[in-house]
C-alpha atoms as a PDB file:
ATOM      1  CA  MET A   1     -68.875 -94.351 -20.441  1.00  0.00           C
ATOM      2  CA  PRO A   2     -69.668 -91.212 -18.365  1.00  0.00           C
ATOM      3  CA  LYS A   3     -67.176 -92.388 -15.687  1.00  0.00           C
ATOM      4  CA  ARG A   4     -64.378 -92.548 -18.244  1.00  0.00           C
ATOM      5  CA  ARG A   5     -65.296 -89.155 -19.552  1.00  0.00           C
ATOM      6  CA  ASN A   6     -65.222 -87.666 -16.028  1.00  0.00           C
ATOM      7  CA  ILE A   7     -61.844 -89.280 -15.369  1.00  0.00           C
ATOM      8  CA  TRP A   8     -60.486 -87.932 -18.649  1.00  0.00           C
ATOM      9  CA  ILE A   9     -61.810 -84.417 -17.926  1.00  0.00           C
ATOM     10  CA  GLY A  10     -60.339 -84.588 -14.413  1.00  0.00           C
ATOM     11  CA  ALA A  11     -56.960 -85.581 -15.821  1.00  0.00           C
ATOM     12  CA  VAL A  12     -57.007 -82.741 -18.356  1.00  0.00           C
ATOM     13  CA  VAL A  13     -57.938 -80.226 -15.646  1.00  0.00           C
ATOM     14  CA  ALA A  14     -55.152 -81.541 -13.361  1.00  0.00           C
ATOM     15  CA  VAL A  15     -52.557 -81.228 -16.119  1.00  0.00           C
ATOM     16  CA  ALA A  16     -53.791 -77.731 -16.968  1.00  0.00           C
ATOM     17  CA  LEU A  17     -53.528 -76.667 -13.318  1.00  0.00           C
ATOM     18  CA  LEU A  18     -50.006 -78.063 -13.083  1.00  0.00           C
ATOM     19  CA  LEU A  19     -48.985 -76.153 -16.219  1.00  0.00           C
ATOM     20  CA  VAL A  20     -50.471 -72.906 -14.933  1.00  0.00           C
ATOM     21  CA  ALA A  21     -48.679 -73.354 -11.591  1.00  0.00           C
ATOM     22  CA  ALA A  22     -45.384 -74.145 -13.309  1.00  0.00           C
ATOM     23  CA  LEU A  23     -45.597 -71.200 -15.692  1.00  0.00           C
ATOM     24  CA  SER A  24     -46.766 -68.627 -13.179  1.00  0.00           C
ATOM     25  CA  GLY A  25     -44.454 -69.260 -10.261  1.00  0.00           C
ATOM     26  CA  GLY A  26     -40.795 -69.282  -9.474  1.00  0.00           C
ATOM     27  CA  VAL A  27     -38.703 -68.280 -12.447  1.00  0.00           C
ATOM     28  CA  PRO A  28     -39.244 -64.784 -13.901  1.00  0.00           C
ATOM     29  CA  ARG A  29     -40.578 -64.642 -17.448  1.00  0.00           C
ATOM     30  CA  GLU A  30     -38.424 -61.654 -18.451  1.00  0.00           C
ATOM     31  CA  ARG A  31     -35.156 -62.225 -20.251  1.00  0.00           C
ATOM     32  CA  PHE A  32     -31.859 -62.205 -18.384  1.00  0.00           C
ATOM     33  CA  LEU A  33     -28.833 -60.331 -19.730  1.00  0.00           C
ATOM     34  CA  VAL A  34     -25.505 -61.857 -18.663  1.00  0.00           C
ATOM     35  CA  LEU A  35     -22.674 -59.372 -19.118  1.00  0.00           C
ATOM     36  CA  GLY A  36     -18.956 -59.806 -18.556  1.00  0.00           C
ATOM     37  CA  PHE A  37     -16.789 -60.565 -15.560  1.00  0.00           C
ATOM     38  CA  SER A  38     -13.697 -58.433 -15.315  1.00  0.00           C
ATOM     39  CA  ALA A  39     -10.681 -60.314 -13.980  1.00  0.00           C
ATOM     40  CA  TYR A  40      -6.953 -59.881 -14.259  1.00  0.00           C
ATOM     41  CA  GLN A  41      -6.718 -63.666 -14.766  1.00  0.00           C
ATOM     42  CA  LEU A  42      -9.286 -63.898 -17.619  1.00  0.00           C
ATOM     43  CA  ASN A  43      -8.786 -62.953 -21.237  1.00  0.00           C
ATOM     44  CA  ASP A  44     -11.744 -62.087 -23.504  1.00  0.00           C
ATOM     45  CA  VAL A  45     -12.248 -65.695 -24.654  1.00  0.00           C
ATOM     46  CA  GLN A  46     -12.237 -67.042 -21.088  1.00  0.00           C
ATOM     47  CA  ASP A  47     -14.681 -64.323 -20.028  1.00  0.00           C
ATOM     48  CA  ARG A  48     -16.989 -65.369 -22.860  1.00  0.00           C
ATOM     49  CA  LEU A  49     -16.725 -69.017 -21.751  1.00  0.00           C
ATOM     50  CA  LEU A  50     -17.683 -68.028 -18.207  1.00  0.00           C
ATOM     51  CA  ARG A  51     -20.636 -65.969 -19.479  1.00  0.00           C
ATOM     52  CA  GLU A  52     -21.808 -68.846 -21.666  1.00  0.00           C
ATOM     53  CA  ALA A  53     -21.524 -71.317 -18.767  1.00  0.00           C
ATOM     54  CA  LEU A  54     -23.678 -69.044 -16.601  1.00  0.00           C
ATOM     55  CA  MET A  55     -26.178 -68.587 -19.441  1.00  0.00           C
ATOM     56  CA  ARG A  56     -26.476 -72.371 -19.888  1.00  0.00           C
ATOM     57  CA  ARG A  57     -27.078 -72.779 -16.167  1.00  0.00           C
ATOM     58  CA  LEU A  58     -29.767 -70.097 -16.147  1.00  0.00           C
ATOM     59  CA  VAL A  59     -31.477 -71.694 -19.148  1.00  0.00           C
ATOM     60  CA  SER A  60     -31.406 -75.112 -17.470  1.00  0.00           C
ATOM     61  CA  ASP A  61     -32.999 -73.471 -14.401  1.00  0.00           C
ATOM     62  CA  GLY A  62     -35.831 -72.197 -16.617  1.00  0.00           C
ATOM     63  CA  TYR A  63     -34.724 -68.614 -17.250  1.00  0.00           C
ATOM     64  CA  ARG A  64     -34.926 -66.958 -20.650  1.00  0.00           C
ATOM     65  CA  VAL A  65     -31.597 -65.337 -21.526  1.00  0.00           C
ATOM     66  CA  VAL A  66     -30.415 -62.826 -24.068  1.00  0.00           C
ATOM     67  CA  THR A  67     -28.481 -64.971 -26.546  1.00  0.00           C
ATOM     68  CA  VAL A  68     -24.715 -64.953 -26.900  1.00  0.00           C
ATOM     69  CA  MET A  69     -24.943 -63.448 -30.381  1.00  0.00           C
ATOM     70  CA  GLU A  70     -27.096 -60.590 -29.106  1.00  0.00           C
ATOM     71  CA  VAL A  71     -24.635 -59.929 -26.275  1.00  0.00           C
ATOM     72  CA  GLU A  72     -21.702 -60.063 -28.693  1.00  0.00           C
ATOM     73  CA  SER A  73     -23.351 -57.277 -30.695  1.00  0.00           C
ATOM     74  CA  ILE A  74     -22.497 -55.038 -27.712  1.00  0.00           C
ATOM     75  CA  LEU A  75     -18.851 -55.429 -28.681  1.00  0.00           C
ATOM     76  CA  GLN A  76     -19.432 -53.667 -31.961  1.00  0.00           C
ATOM     77  CA  GLY A  77     -19.259 -49.916 -32.454  1.00  0.00           C
ATOM     78  CA  GLU A  78     -18.944 -47.506 -29.543  1.00  0.00           C
ATOM     79  CA  ARG A  79     -18.917 -50.168 -26.811  1.00  0.00           C
ATOM     80  CA  ARG A  80     -16.294 -52.300 -28.533  1.00  0.00           C
ATOM     81  CA  GLY A  81     -14.233 -54.161 -25.946  1.00  0.00           C
ATOM     82  CA  ARG A  82     -16.093 -52.642 -23.001  1.00  0.00           C
ATOM     83  CA  VAL A  83     -18.597 -55.387 -22.200  1.00  0.00           C
ATOM     84  CA  ARG A  84     -16.764 -55.984 -18.916  1.00  0.00           C
ATOM     85  CA  SER A  85     -16.674 -52.335 -17.844  1.00  0.00           C
ATOM     86  CA  LEU A  86     -20.119 -50.880 -18.417  1.00  0.00           C
ATOM     87  CA  THR A  87     -21.642 -48.185 -16.219  1.00  0.00           C
ATOM     88  CA  ARG A  88     -24.945 -48.716 -14.436  1.00  0.00           C
ATOM     89  CA  GLU A  89     -26.646 -46.348 -16.858  1.00  0.00           C
ATOM     90  CA  GLU A  90     -25.317 -48.400 -19.789  1.00  0.00           C
ATOM     91  CA  VAL A  91     -26.649 -51.595 -18.134  1.00  0.00           C
ATOM     92  CA  ARG A  92     -30.075 -49.973 -17.786  1.00  0.00           C
ATOM     93  CA  ALA A  93     -30.008 -48.933 -21.451  1.00  0.00           C
ATOM     94  CA  LEU A  94     -28.941 -52.423 -22.585  1.00  0.00           C
ATOM     95  CA  CYS A  95     -31.797 -53.999 -20.643  1.00  0.00           C
ATOM     96  CA  ARG A  96     -34.201 -51.651 -22.423  1.00  0.00           C
ATOM     97  CA  ASP A  97     -32.568 -52.347 -25.812  1.00  0.00           C
ATOM     98  CA  PHE A  98     -32.684 -56.133 -25.352  1.00  0.00           C
ATOM     99  CA  ASP A  99     -36.052 -56.106 -23.550  1.00  0.00           C
ATOM    100  CA  ALA A 100     -34.416 -57.821 -20.573  1.00  0.00           C
ATOM    101  CA  GLY A 101     -35.892 -57.645 -17.098  1.00  0.00           C
ATOM    102  CA  TYR A 102     -32.645 -58.585 -15.387  1.00  0.00           C
ATOM    103  CA  ALA A 103     -28.898 -58.272 -15.875  1.00  0.00           C
ATOM    104  CA  CYS A 104     -25.756 -59.359 -14.094  1.00  0.00           C
ATOM    105  CA  TYR A 105     -22.078 -58.541 -14.341  1.00  0.00           C
ATOM    106  CA  GLY A 106     -19.122 -58.510 -12.017  1.00  0.00           C
ATOM    107  CA  TRP A 107     -15.445 -58.838 -11.362  1.00  0.00           C
ATOM    108  CA  ILE A 108     -13.135 -61.431  -9.894  1.00  0.00           C
ATOM    109  CA  ASP A 109     -10.090 -60.680  -7.766  1.00  0.00           C
ATOM    110  CA  SER A 110      -7.905 -62.291  -5.153  1.00  0.00           C
ATOM    111  CA  ALA A 111      -9.565 -62.587  -1.744  1.00  0.00           C
ATOM    112  CA  GLU A 112      -6.063 -62.396  -0.278  1.00  0.00           C
ATOM    113  CA  GLY A 113      -4.958 -59.250  -2.111  1.00  0.00           C
ATOM    114  CA  GLY A 114      -2.459 -58.823  -4.905  1.00  0.00           C
ATOM    115  CA  LYS A 115      -2.643 -59.916  -8.522  1.00  0.00           C
ATOM    116  CA  ASP A 116      -2.236 -63.457  -9.817  1.00  0.00           C
ATOM    117  CA  ASP A 117      -1.721 -64.469 -13.432  1.00  0.00           C
ATOM    118  CA  SER A 118      -3.947 -67.520 -12.933  1.00  0.00           C
ATOM    119  CA  PHE A 119      -6.385 -68.993 -10.445  1.00  0.00           C
ATOM    120  CA  ALA A 120      -3.778 -70.855  -8.404  1.00  0.00           C
ATOM    121  CA  GLU A 121      -4.864 -73.883  -6.438  1.00  0.00           C
ATOM    122  CA  GLY A 122      -4.665 -73.242  -2.704  1.00  0.00           C
ATOM    123  CA  LYS A 123      -5.503 -69.527  -3.008  1.00  0.00           C
ATOM    124  CA  ARG A 124      -8.895 -67.942  -2.479  1.00  0.00           C
ATOM    125  CA  TYR A 125     -10.677 -65.630  -4.912  1.00  0.00           C
ATOM    126  CA  ARG A 126     -13.726 -63.413  -4.689  1.00  0.00           C
ATOM    127  CA  CYS A 127     -16.352 -62.887  -7.363  1.00  0.00           C
ATOM    128  CA  SER A 128     -18.349 -59.716  -6.863  1.00  0.00           C
ATOM    129  CA  LEU A 129     -21.682 -60.049  -8.661  1.00  0.00           C
ATOM    130  CA  VAL A 130     -24.009 -57.159  -9.443  1.00  0.00           C
ATOM    131  CA  THR A 131     -27.615 -57.975 -10.337  1.00  0.00           C
ATOM    132  CA  TYR A 132     -30.017 -55.458 -11.861  1.00  0.00           C
ATOM    133  CA  ARG A 133     -33.821 -55.638 -11.730  1.00  0.00           C
ATOM    134  CA  ARG A 134     -35.401 -53.441 -14.357  1.00  0.00           C
ATOM    135  CA  ASP A 135     -38.910 -53.451 -12.820  1.00  0.00           C
ATOM    136  CA  ARG A 136     -37.546 -51.940  -9.571  1.00  0.00           C
ATOM    137  CA  ASP A 137     -34.589 -50.147 -11.187  1.00  0.00           C
ATOM    138  CA  THR A 138     -32.341 -51.565  -8.468  1.00  0.00           C
ATOM    139  CA  PHE A 139     -28.807 -52.904  -8.379  1.00  0.00           C
ATOM    140  CA  GLU A 140     -27.687 -55.381  -5.706  1.00  0.00           C
ATOM    141  CA  GLU A 141     -24.133 -56.486  -5.010  1.00  0.00           C
ATOM    142  CA  HIS A 142     -23.251 -60.004  -3.887  1.00  0.00           C
ATOM    143  CA  SER A 143     -19.915 -61.582  -3.065  1.00  0.00           C
ATOM    144  CA  VAL A 144     -18.834 -65.209  -3.489  1.00  0.00           C
ATOM    145  CA  VAL A 145     -15.500 -66.557  -2.259  1.00  0.00           C
ATOM    146  CA  PHE A 146     -14.096 -69.690  -3.903  1.00  0.00           C
ATOM    147  CA  PRO A 147     -10.830 -71.619  -4.009  1.00  0.00           C
ATOM    148  CA  GLY A 148      -8.513 -71.569  -7.026  1.00  0.00           C
ATOM    149  CA  HIS A 149      -8.252 -74.600  -9.331  1.00  0.00           C
ATOM    150  CA  ASP A 150      -5.627 -75.891 -11.727  1.00  0.00           C
ATOM    151  CA  ARG A 151      -8.331 -76.569 -14.318  1.00  0.00           C
ATOM    152  CA  LEU A 152     -10.315 -73.558 -15.528  1.00  0.00           C
ATOM    153  CA  ASN A 153     -13.341 -75.747 -16.277  1.00  0.00           C
ATOM    154  CA  ASP A 154     -13.540 -76.867 -12.617  1.00  0.00           C
ATOM    155  CA  LEU A 155     -13.237 -73.266 -11.519  1.00  0.00           C
ATOM    156  CA  PHE A 156     -16.023 -72.133 -13.849  1.00  0.00           C
ATOM    157  CA  GLU A 157     -18.331 -74.909 -12.605  1.00  0.00           C
ATOM    158  CA  GLU A 158     -17.820 -73.795  -9.021  1.00  0.00           C
ATOM    159  CA  ILE A 159     -18.277 -70.102  -9.846  1.00  0.00           C
ATOM    160  CA  VAL A 160     -21.410 -70.732 -11.932  1.00  0.00           C
ATOM    161  CA  GLU A 161     -22.992 -72.833  -9.188  1.00  0.00           C
ATOM    162  CA  ALA A 162     -22.400 -70.093  -6.610  1.00  0.00           C
ATOM    163  CA  LEU A 163     -23.530 -67.296  -8.947  1.00  0.00           C
ATOM    164  CA  ALA A 164     -26.719 -69.122  -9.932  1.00  0.00           C
ATOM    165  CA  SER A 165     -27.733 -69.518  -6.293  1.00  0.00           C
ATOM    166  CA  ARG A 166     -27.042 -65.817  -5.629  1.00  0.00           C
ATOM    167  CA  ILE A 167     -29.075 -64.823  -8.693  1.00  0.00           C
ATOM    168  CA  GLU A 168     -32.033 -66.960  -7.627  1.00  0.00           C
ATOM    169  CA  GLY A 169     -31.903 -65.363  -4.185  1.00  0.00           C
ATOM    170  CA  ALA A 170     -31.790 -61.852  -5.635  1.00  0.00           C
ATOM    171  CA  LEU A 171     -34.835 -62.305  -7.850  1.00  0.00           C
END
């Protein structure tokens, strides 16, 4: 009987240590605020779809995010329609308001110059990502180049994958 009890206690301690290690390392515990991506090729609905795709990816990677409904509240009142063109001071204030430790936003343009009405297959585009860390009060800029796609969903998957890896590297 004492052997079983020791084995059981050992198992409980091992599980507890694994939980502590999992909860204390890697992914920050502060919430992440995903703001808009300004692009000539994206309308407001498509921008929201891109934001939501990035939020889902961050959640699946273990991050806590500011919910879509909370972010959409930014669109009300004085900031109406400006979620994709906020100043750094406004980003700082939003992180304080939403109790978020991190934020990201950016813009997408042609890597080859000029303006396109869509993300044409065969052309290259650049997503400039800005990440903000509230604890250090720092902004970092990152750039990701990706090919155009005929299907917006395929494009978003590629962008989100690249952005998620840049975000993980920045934190």
